[in-house]
Amino acid sequence: MMEPEELALRQIAPHMLVDDGKIAPAAFGPNTSDAHKPSYSRSSLVTPQAGT
């Protein structure tokens, strides 16, 4: 990513939330559920959407 205003977006599943509803720090690092390779999307290519 070369543009300073571009964002890296991460999909957050319900199991990535802690008890108070905040995103757990582990959601941004490698873990077994993503084969230790978390995926991110570029804001220039996708539009973030809230879950239902």
N, C-alpha and C. Protein backbone atom coordinates (compact mmCIF):
# COMPACT_ATOMS: atom_id res chain seq x y z
N MET A 1 0.85 -1.17 0.00
CA MET A 1 0.00 0.00 0.00
C MET A 1 0.90 1.23 0.00
N MET A 2 0.70 2.05 -0.97
CA MET A 2 1.55 3.22 -1.12
C MET A 2 0.89 4.53 -0.70
N GLU A 3 -0.42 4.60 -0.76
CA GLU A 3 -1.13 5.83 -0.42
C GLU A 3 -1.30 5.93 1.08
N PRO A 4 -0.90 7.05 1.70
CA PRO A 4 -0.99 7.17 3.16
C PRO A 4 -2.43 7.13 3.70
N GLU A 5 -3.42 7.48 2.89
CA GLU A 5 -4.80 7.48 3.37
C GLU A 5 -5.48 6.11 3.23
N GLU A 6 -4.83 5.17 2.56
CA GLU A 6 -5.43 3.85 2.40
C GLU A 6 -5.38 3.07 3.71
N LEU A 7 -6.42 2.29 3.96
CA LEU A 7 -6.53 1.51 5.19
C LEU A 7 -6.44 0.02 4.87
N ALA A 8 -5.92 -0.73 5.82
CA ALA A 8 -5.97 -2.19 5.76
C ALA A 8 -7.14 -2.62 6.63
N LEU A 9 -8.09 -3.34 6.04
CA LEU A 9 -9.31 -3.75 6.73
C LEU A 9 -9.23 -5.22 7.10
N ARG A 10 -9.73 -5.56 8.27
CA ARG A 10 -9.73 -6.94 8.75
C ARG A 10 -11.16 -7.33 9.08
N GLN A 11 -11.63 -8.46 8.57
CA GLN A 11 -12.96 -8.95 8.93
C GLN A 11 -12.90 -9.49 10.36
N ILE A 12 -13.85 -9.05 11.18
CA ILE A 12 -13.90 -9.46 12.58
C ILE A 12 -15.12 -10.35 12.79
N ALA A 13 -14.88 -11.58 13.18
CA ALA A 13 -15.96 -12.53 13.47
C ALA A 13 -16.33 -12.42 14.95
N PRO A 14 -17.52 -12.83 15.33
CA PRO A 14 -17.95 -12.72 16.72
C PRO A 14 -16.99 -13.35 17.74
N HIS A 15 -16.33 -14.44 17.37
CA HIS A 15 -15.41 -15.08 18.31
C HIS A 15 -14.14 -14.25 18.55
N MET A 16 -13.96 -13.17 17.78
CA MET A 16 -12.80 -12.30 17.95
C MET A 16 -13.06 -11.14 18.91
N LEU A 17 -14.23 -11.15 19.54
CA LEU A 17 -14.59 -10.10 20.49
C LEU A 17 -14.37 -10.61 21.91
N VAL A 18 -13.99 -9.68 22.78
CA VAL A 18 -13.85 -10.03 24.19
C VAL A 18 -15.15 -9.67 24.91
N ASP A 19 -15.23 -10.00 26.18
CA ASP A 19 -16.48 -9.87 26.94
C ASP A 19 -17.13 -8.49 26.88
N ASP A 20 -16.35 -7.43 26.82
CA ASP A 20 -16.94 -6.09 26.81
C ASP A 20 -17.28 -5.59 25.41
N GLY A 21 -17.19 -6.48 24.40
CA GLY A 21 -17.55 -6.13 23.03
C GLY A 21 -16.43 -5.51 22.22
N LYS A 22 -15.26 -5.34 22.81
CA LYS A 22 -14.13 -4.80 22.08
C LYS A 22 -13.44 -5.91 21.29
N ILE A 23 -12.72 -5.51 20.25
CA ILE A 23 -12.00 -6.48 19.44
C ILE A 23 -10.77 -6.96 20.20
N ALA A 24 -10.61 -8.26 20.27
CA ALA A 24 -9.47 -8.86 20.95
C ALA A 24 -8.19 -8.58 20.15
N PRO A 25 -7.09 -8.27 20.82
CA PRO A 25 -5.82 -8.05 20.11
C PRO A 25 -5.43 -9.23 19.23
N ALA A 26 -5.81 -10.44 19.61
CA ALA A 26 -5.47 -11.62 18.83
C ALA A 26 -6.09 -11.59 17.43
N ALA A 27 -7.13 -10.78 17.22
CA ALA A 27 -7.78 -10.70 15.92
C ALA A 27 -6.85 -10.15 14.84
N PHE A 28 -5.79 -9.47 15.24
CA PHE A 28 -4.90 -8.83 14.28
C PHE A 28 -3.59 -9.58 14.08
N GLY A 29 -3.44 -10.68 14.76
CA GLY A 29 -2.23 -11.46 14.60
C GLY A 29 -2.55 -12.83 14.06
N PRO A 30 -1.55 -13.61 13.76
CA PRO A 30 -1.80 -14.96 13.26
C PRO A 30 -2.38 -15.85 14.34
N ASN A 31 -3.28 -16.73 13.94
CA ASN A 31 -3.83 -17.72 14.86
C ASN A 31 -4.21 -18.97 14.08
N THR A 32 -4.61 -20.00 14.77
CA THR A 32 -4.88 -21.28 14.12
C THR A 32 -6.09 -21.23 13.19
N SER A 33 -7.07 -20.37 13.46
CA SER A 33 -8.28 -20.33 12.63
C SER A 33 -8.01 -19.81 11.22
N ASP A 34 -6.91 -19.10 11.02
CA ASP A 34 -6.57 -18.61 9.68
C ASP A 34 -5.23 -19.18 9.19
N ALA A 35 -4.87 -20.34 9.72
CA ALA A 35 -3.63 -21.03 9.34
C ALA A 35 -2.41 -20.13 9.56
N HIS A 36 -2.49 -19.28 10.59
CA HIS A 36 -1.41 -18.37 10.97
C HIS A 36 -1.09 -17.34 9.87
N LYS A 37 -2.08 -17.07 9.00
CA LYS A 37 -1.91 -16.09 7.92
C LYS A 37 -3.16 -15.23 7.84
N PRO A 38 -3.30 -14.23 8.73
CA PRO A 38 -4.51 -13.40 8.69
C PRO A 38 -4.61 -12.66 7.37
N SER A 39 -5.83 -12.48 6.89
CA SER A 39 -6.03 -11.77 5.63
C SER A 39 -6.58 -10.37 5.91
N TYR A 40 -6.16 -9.48 5.07
CA TYR A 40 -6.60 -8.09 5.15
C TYR A 40 -7.05 -7.66 3.76
N SER A 41 -7.92 -6.65 3.69
CA SER A 41 -8.38 -6.11 2.42
C SER A 41 -7.99 -4.64 2.36
N ARG A 42 -7.70 -4.18 1.17
CA ARG A 42 -7.32 -2.78 0.96
C ARG A 42 -8.57 -1.93 0.78
N SER A 43 -8.61 -0.79 1.49
CA SER A 43 -9.80 0.08 1.40
C SER A 43 -10.00 0.66 0.01
N SER A 44 -8.98 0.67 -0.83
CA SER A 44 -9.14 1.16 -2.21
C SER A 44 -9.84 0.13 -3.09
N LEU A 45 -9.96 -1.12 -2.61
CA LEU A 45 -10.55 -2.18 -3.41
C LEU A 45 -11.88 -2.69 -2.88
N VAL A 46 -12.17 -2.47 -1.60
CA VAL A 46 -13.41 -2.97 -1.00
C VAL A 46 -14.07 -1.89 -0.17
N THR A 47 -15.34 -2.09 0.15
CA THR A 47 -16.08 -1.18 1.02
C THR A 47 -16.43 -1.96 2.28
N PRO A 48 -16.06 -1.44 3.46
CA PRO A 48 -16.39 -2.17 4.69
C PRO A 48 -17.90 -2.21 4.91
N GLN A 49 -18.36 -3.31 5.46
CA GLN A 49 -19.78 -3.49 5.76
C GLN A 49 -19.92 -4.00 7.18
N ALA A 50 -20.95 -3.52 7.86
CA ALA A 50 -21.24 -4.02 9.21
C ALA A 50 -21.98 -5.33 9.09
N GLY A 51 -21.72 -6.23 10.04
CA GLY A 51 -22.41 -7.51 10.07
C GLY A 51 -23.86 -7.34 10.50
N THR A 52 -24.64 -8.34 10.21
CA THR A 52 -26.05 -8.27 10.61
C THR A 52 -26.35 -9.29 11.69
